[in-house]
Amino acid sequence: MIPADDPGFEALARKISGAGFAVEAYKDKCIRRRIAVRMRACGVHTYADYQALLDRNPTEYERLRDALTINVTRFYRNAETWNLLRRELIPRLCAPGAGEIRAWSAGCSSGEEPYTIAILAAEYLDGCGRSGELDRLVVDATDVDRLSLERAMAARYRPENLTEMPAELAQRYLEPVGHELQIAARVRRRVFVRRLDLNSRRPPRRDYHMVVCRNVLIYFDRPMQERLFQIFADSLVPGGYLVIGKVETLFGAVRERLILVDPRERVYRRPA
């Protein structure tokens, strides 16, 4: 067990930050826990020894980054939130006569969230006899984790990843490929996967109708959370929606800029 006040941690944190990962923006306990996972895997027992290992083996940086950014996700996680999007937000965003429909899944992990957004849009438009309008949809899916992005680009998932998704959606918008299921091509084409570090880079654009960032902000410290809330608000068009995780809370100056639409599902709207 490494003491929480081990001075070697500060030196290690500076080294990791110097390699391009903003350790200081994350909660201390979370960072320590995930570094410990890599240390055990490498058979080292002190922060100083792990720092020396990083000097000898630069490829360990990639493994460490993967460990630090690991995400837990699945299709239709917290079904009540998705049902709200399906019932109310998606129909509003896909109203007839509107132009491009733009959404951003910030911290998309392996893609379940952005593909669900695209599936719900396809389901609504199909049900309205407007299937051809799916080409209006643009879902930007961003994350910093290399392995997660590779899985998102492949868009293939094991059946057990879909146990919470309504069966009719899974049957209509995923296709068997060997022992896995792949997102249907016409839905897959509406999701644009790219690498983006929320700590250091600007969002892909600033005219989204909906930004979804669920169960990501809990890993950051409060100053970083406030900064990201401002970025999300700036990224929305007037009338656009922000959806955050059910265990997350909007705070700081951004509370004056966004209206709470649904307190239970943590949905906010930028005033028109």
Protein backbone atom coordinates (compact mmCIF):
# COMPACT_ATOMS: atom_id res chain seq x y z
CA MET A 1 0.00 0.00 0.00
CA ILE A 2 1.51 3.32 -1.07
CA PRO A 3 0.98 6.18 1.41
CA ALA A 4 -1.27 8.92 0.07
CA ASP A 5 1.37 11.54 0.87
CA ASP A 6 4.25 9.74 -0.88
CA PRO A 7 6.38 12.62 -2.26
CA GLY A 8 7.21 10.47 -5.26
CA PHE A 9 3.68 10.95 -6.55
CA GLU A 10 4.24 14.68 -7.19
CA ALA A 11 7.31 13.97 -9.30
CA LEU A 12 5.50 11.25 -11.21
CA ALA A 13 2.50 13.51 -11.81
CA ARG A 14 4.76 16.23 -13.22
CA LYS A 15 6.37 13.71 -15.54
CA ILE A 16 3.04 12.42 -16.83
CA SER A 17 1.77 15.98 -17.33
CA GLY A 18 4.93 16.79 -19.26
CA ALA A 19 4.09 13.93 -21.61
CA GLY A 20 0.80 15.62 -22.50
CA PHE A 21 -1.71 14.22 -20.00
CA ALA A 22 -3.20 16.86 -17.67
CA VAL A 23 -3.10 14.88 -14.42
CA GLU A 24 -3.88 17.98 -12.37
CA ALA A 25 -7.36 18.28 -13.91
CA TYR A 26 -8.47 14.89 -12.56
CA LYS A 27 -9.49 13.95 -9.05
CA ASP A 28 -6.48 12.85 -7.05
CA LYS A 29 -8.02 9.63 -5.75
CA CYS A 30 -9.04 8.52 -9.25
CA ILE A 31 -5.58 9.16 -10.69
CA ARG A 32 -3.80 7.34 -7.86
CA ARG A 33 -6.08 4.32 -8.19
CA ARG A 34 -5.51 3.97 -11.93
CA ILE A 35 -1.76 4.52 -11.71
CA ALA A 36 -1.71 1.77 -9.10
CA VAL A 37 -3.30 -0.60 -11.63
CA ARG A 38 -0.39 -0.07 -14.02
CA MET A 39 2.20 -0.31 -11.26
CA ARG A 40 0.86 -3.70 -10.20
CA ALA A 41 0.82 -4.86 -13.81
CA CYS A 42 4.47 -3.85 -14.15
CA GLY A 43 5.52 -5.34 -10.80
CA VAL A 44 6.77 -2.08 -9.27
CA HIS A 45 5.93 -0.85 -5.78
CA THR A 46 6.83 2.84 -5.53
CA TYR A 47 6.09 5.91 -7.62
CA ALA A 48 9.82 6.48 -8.05
CA ASP A 49 10.30 2.99 -9.46
CA TYR A 50 7.39 3.49 -11.84
CA GLN A 51 8.83 6.81 -13.02
CA ALA A 52 12.13 5.05 -13.73
CA LEU A 53 10.23 2.40 -15.68
CA LEU A 54 8.60 5.10 -17.82
CA ASP A 55 12.08 6.44 -18.60
CA ARG A 56 13.22 3.00 -19.73
CA ASN A 57 10.05 1.99 -21.56
CA PRO A 58 8.23 4.86 -23.34
CA THR A 59 5.53 2.51 -24.63
CA GLU A 60 4.32 2.23 -21.03
CA TYR A 61 3.02 5.80 -21.44
CA GLU A 62 0.39 4.53 -23.90
CA ARG A 63 -0.66 1.77 -21.52
CA LEU A 64 -0.83 4.29 -18.67
CA ARG A 65 -2.91 6.71 -20.75
CA ASP A 66 -5.32 3.89 -21.57
CA ALA A 67 -5.61 3.08 -17.86
CA LEU A 68 -6.15 6.73 -16.87
CA THR A 69 -8.90 7.29 -19.43
CA ILE A 70 -10.71 3.96 -19.11
CA ASN A 71 -14.52 4.35 -19.34
CA VAL A 72 -17.42 2.18 -18.29
CA THR A 73 -20.30 2.34 -20.74
CA ARG A 74 -23.02 0.30 -22.40
CA PHE A 75 -25.95 0.83 -24.70
CA TYR A 76 -28.96 2.54 -23.13
CA ARG A 77 -27.23 3.03 -19.78
CA ASN A 78 -29.70 4.76 -17.41
CA ALA A 79 -32.70 3.94 -19.57
CA GLU A 80 -34.84 6.77 -18.13
CA THR A 81 -32.51 9.34 -19.66
CA TRP A 82 -32.58 7.68 -23.06
CA ASN A 83 -36.35 7.34 -22.91
CA LEU A 84 -36.59 11.09 -22.30
CA LEU A 85 -34.38 11.78 -25.31
CA ARG A 86 -36.43 9.35 -27.40
CA ARG A 87 -39.77 10.77 -26.29
CA GLU A 88 -39.06 14.51 -26.21
CA LEU A 89 -35.65 15.79 -27.31
CA ILE A 90 -35.12 13.79 -30.51
CA PRO A 91 -38.55 14.72 -31.96
CA ARG A 92 -37.81 18.40 -31.29
CA LEU A 93 -34.37 18.23 -32.88
CA CYS A 94 -35.71 16.34 -35.91
CA ALA A 95 -38.64 18.67 -36.57
CA PRO A 96 -39.63 19.00 -40.24
CA GLY A 97 -38.11 21.88 -42.15
CA ALA A 98 -35.04 22.26 -39.97
CA GLY A 99 -31.59 22.00 -41.48
CA GLU A 100 -28.65 19.96 -40.23
CA ILE A 101 -29.09 18.23 -36.85
CA ARG A 102 -25.84 18.42 -34.87
CA ALA A 103 -25.00 16.52 -31.67
CA TRP A 104 -21.77 16.00 -29.73
CA SER A 105 -21.01 12.99 -27.55
CA ALA A 106 -18.15 14.31 -25.41
CA GLY A 107 -16.26 11.44 -23.82
CA CYS A 108 -17.85 8.86 -26.10
CA SER A 109 -15.77 5.91 -24.86
CA SER A 110 -16.26 2.96 -27.22
CA GLY A 111 -19.17 4.52 -29.07
CA GLU A 112 -22.31 3.20 -27.42
CA GLU A 113 -23.58 6.69 -26.58
CA PRO A 114 -23.19 8.42 -29.98
CA TYR A 115 -24.53 5.40 -31.85
CA THR A 116 -27.57 5.35 -29.57
CA ILE A 117 -28.21 9.02 -30.38
CA ALA A 118 -28.06 8.18 -34.10
CA ILE A 119 -30.28 5.12 -33.64
CA LEU A 120 -32.95 7.15 -31.84
CA ALA A 121 -32.90 9.76 -34.60
CA ALA A 122 -33.21 7.03 -37.25
CA GLU A 123 -36.07 5.40 -35.34
CA TYR A 124 -37.99 8.66 -35.09
CA LEU A 125 -37.47 9.62 -38.73
CA ASP A 126 -38.31 6.11 -39.93
CA GLY A 127 -41.52 6.19 -37.92
CA CYS A 128 -42.47 9.50 -39.51
CA GLY A 129 -41.83 8.20 -43.03
CA ARG A 130 -38.85 10.54 -43.34
CA SER A 131 -36.00 8.02 -43.44
CA GLY A 132 -34.13 9.98 -46.10
CA GLU A 133 -33.71 12.88 -43.69
CA LEU A 134 -31.25 10.88 -41.56
CA ASP A 135 -28.53 12.41 -43.74
CA ARG A 136 -29.26 15.68 -41.91
CA LEU A 137 -27.78 14.18 -38.74
CA VAL A 138 -24.18 14.77 -37.64
CA VAL A 139 -23.00 13.17 -34.38
CA ASP A 140 -19.45 14.06 -33.37
CA ALA A 141 -18.05 11.38 -31.06
CA THR A 142 -14.87 12.35 -29.20
CA ASP A 143 -12.66 10.76 -26.59
CA VAL A 144 -9.01 10.75 -25.60
CA ASP A 145 -8.61 7.00 -25.13
CA ARG A 146 -6.94 5.27 -28.07
CA LEU A 147 -8.41 1.80 -27.57
CA SER A 148 -11.92 3.12 -26.98
CA LEU A 149 -11.78 5.13 -30.20
CA GLU A 150 -10.67 2.07 -32.15
CA ARG A 151 -13.70 0.16 -30.85
CA ALA A 152 -15.98 3.08 -31.65
CA MET A 153 -14.70 3.22 -35.22
CA ALA A 154 -15.25 -0.51 -35.67
CA ALA A 155 -18.82 -0.13 -34.31
CA ARG A 156 -18.98 -3.82 -33.38
CA TYR A 157 -20.30 -4.97 -30.03
CA ARG A 158 -20.93 -8.17 -28.13
CA PRO A 159 -24.59 -9.06 -27.55
CA GLU A 160 -24.19 -8.62 -23.79
CA ASN A 161 -23.41 -4.92 -24.39
CA LEU A 162 -26.97 -4.45 -25.62
CA THR A 163 -28.98 -6.12 -22.86
CA GLU A 164 -30.40 -2.76 -21.67
CA MET A 165 -31.35 -1.47 -25.13
CA PRO A 166 -34.97 -2.01 -26.19
CA ALA A 167 -35.02 -5.19 -28.26
CA GLU A 168 -36.78 -3.59 -31.22
CA LEU A 169 -34.02 -1.00 -31.60
CA ALA A 170 -31.27 -3.61 -31.45
CA GLN A 171 -33.04 -5.75 -34.05
CA ARG A 172 -33.59 -2.88 -36.47
CA TYR A 173 -30.27 -1.06 -36.26
CA LEU A 174 -27.62 -3.69 -35.54
CA GLU A 175 -26.60 -6.53 -37.83
CA PRO A 176 -24.92 -9.85 -36.96
CA VAL A 177 -21.25 -10.08 -37.94
CA GLY A 178 -19.81 -13.34 -36.69
CA HIS A 179 -20.26 -13.45 -32.92
CA GLU A 180 -20.79 -9.69 -32.71
CA LEU A 181 -23.34 -7.10 -33.76
CA GLN A 182 -22.44 -4.11 -35.93
CA ILE A 183 -24.26 -0.81 -36.19
CA ALA A 184 -26.16 -0.61 -39.50
CA ALA A 185 -24.22 1.27 -42.15
CA ARG A 186 -26.71 4.10 -42.66
CA VAL A 187 -26.60 4.86 -38.93
CA ARG A 188 -22.86 4.33 -38.66
CA ARG A 189 -22.23 6.91 -41.38
CA ARG A 190 -23.84 9.64 -39.27
CA VAL A 191 -21.32 9.27 -36.40
CA PHE A 192 -17.90 10.89 -36.80
CA VAL A 193 -15.33 9.49 -34.38
CA ARG A 194 -12.26 11.56 -33.56
CA ARG A 195 -9.70 12.02 -30.82
CA LEU A 196 -10.13 15.06 -28.59
CA ASP A 197 -8.71 15.79 -25.14
CA LEU A 198 -11.25 17.86 -23.22
CA ASN A 199 -8.41 19.21 -21.09
CA SER A 200 -6.52 20.95 -23.84
CA ARG A 201 -8.41 21.23 -27.14
CA ARG A 202 -11.40 23.15 -28.40
CA PRO A 203 -14.64 21.32 -29.29
CA PRO A 204 -15.12 20.28 -32.93
CA ARG A 205 -17.64 23.10 -33.47
CA ARG A 206 -19.79 25.63 -31.60
CA ASP A 207 -23.23 25.15 -33.12
CA TYR A 208 -24.58 21.95 -31.60
CA HIS A 209 -28.25 21.33 -30.98
CA MET A 210 -27.37 18.82 -28.28
CA VAL A 211 -24.26 18.04 -26.21
CA VAL A 212 -24.22 14.79 -24.25
CA CYS A 213 -21.50 14.26 -21.65
CA ARG A 214 -22.58 11.66 -19.11
CA ASN A 215 -20.52 10.21 -16.26
CA VAL A 216 -17.33 11.87 -17.48
CA LEU A 217 -17.14 15.05 -15.41
CA ILE A 218 -17.11 13.08 -12.16
CA TYR A 219 -13.46 12.21 -12.85
CA PHE A 220 -12.37 15.88 -13.01
CA ASP A 221 -11.77 18.32 -10.17
CA ARG A 222 -14.15 21.24 -9.65
CA PRO A 223 -12.20 23.92 -11.56
CA MET A 224 -11.99 21.65 -14.59
CA GLN A 225 -15.68 20.79 -14.31
CA GLU A 226 -16.59 24.49 -14.30
CA ARG A 227 -14.39 25.10 -17.33
CA LEU A 228 -16.01 22.22 -19.24
CA PHE A 229 -19.52 23.38 -18.37
CA GLN A 230 -18.67 26.74 -19.93
CA ILE A 231 -17.27 25.02 -23.02
CA PHE A 232 -20.44 22.96 -23.40
CA ALA A 233 -22.66 26.04 -23.01
CA ASP A 234 -20.55 27.89 -25.59
CA SER A 235 -20.92 24.94 -27.96
CA LEU A 236 -24.72 25.03 -28.00
CA VAL A 237 -26.93 27.02 -30.34
CA PRO A 238 -29.70 29.03 -28.63
CA GLY A 239 -32.34 26.48 -27.66
CA GLY A 240 -29.80 23.63 -27.64
CA TYR A 241 -29.68 20.96 -24.93
CA LEU A 242 -26.98 19.77 -22.54
CA VAL A 243 -27.37 16.27 -21.04
CA ILE A 244 -25.07 15.25 -18.17
CA GLY A 245 -24.92 12.21 -15.90
CA LYS A 246 -27.54 11.62 -13.23
CA VAL A 247 -24.89 11.77 -10.50
CA GLU A 248 -23.40 15.00 -11.85
CA THR A 249 -24.39 18.54 -10.87
CA LEU A 250 -24.19 21.76 -12.83
CA PHE A 251 -22.49 24.48 -10.79
CA GLY A 252 -20.55 27.70 -11.20
CA ALA A 253 -21.32 30.68 -13.42
CA VAL A 254 -22.81 28.46 -16.13
CA ARG A 255 -25.93 28.02 -13.99
CA GLU A 256 -26.89 31.54 -15.07
CA ARG A 257 -26.61 30.54 -18.72
CA LEU A 258 -28.59 27.29 -18.86
CA ILE A 259 -32.17 26.46 -17.87
CA LEU A 260 -32.90 23.21 -16.04
CA VAL A 261 -35.39 21.26 -18.15
CA ASP A 262 -35.49 17.95 -16.28
CA PRO A 263 -33.94 17.77 -12.79
CA ARG A 264 -34.13 13.99 -12.56
CA GLU A 265 -32.37 13.29 -15.86
CA ARG A 266 -30.03 16.30 -15.67
CA VAL A 267 -31.11 17.96 -18.92
CA TYR A 268 -30.45 21.68 -19.45
CA ARG A 269 -31.28 24.07 -22.27
CA ARG A 270 -29.57 27.19 -23.50
CA PRO A 271 -32.22 29.95 -23.71
CA ALA A 272 -33.31 30.84 -27.24
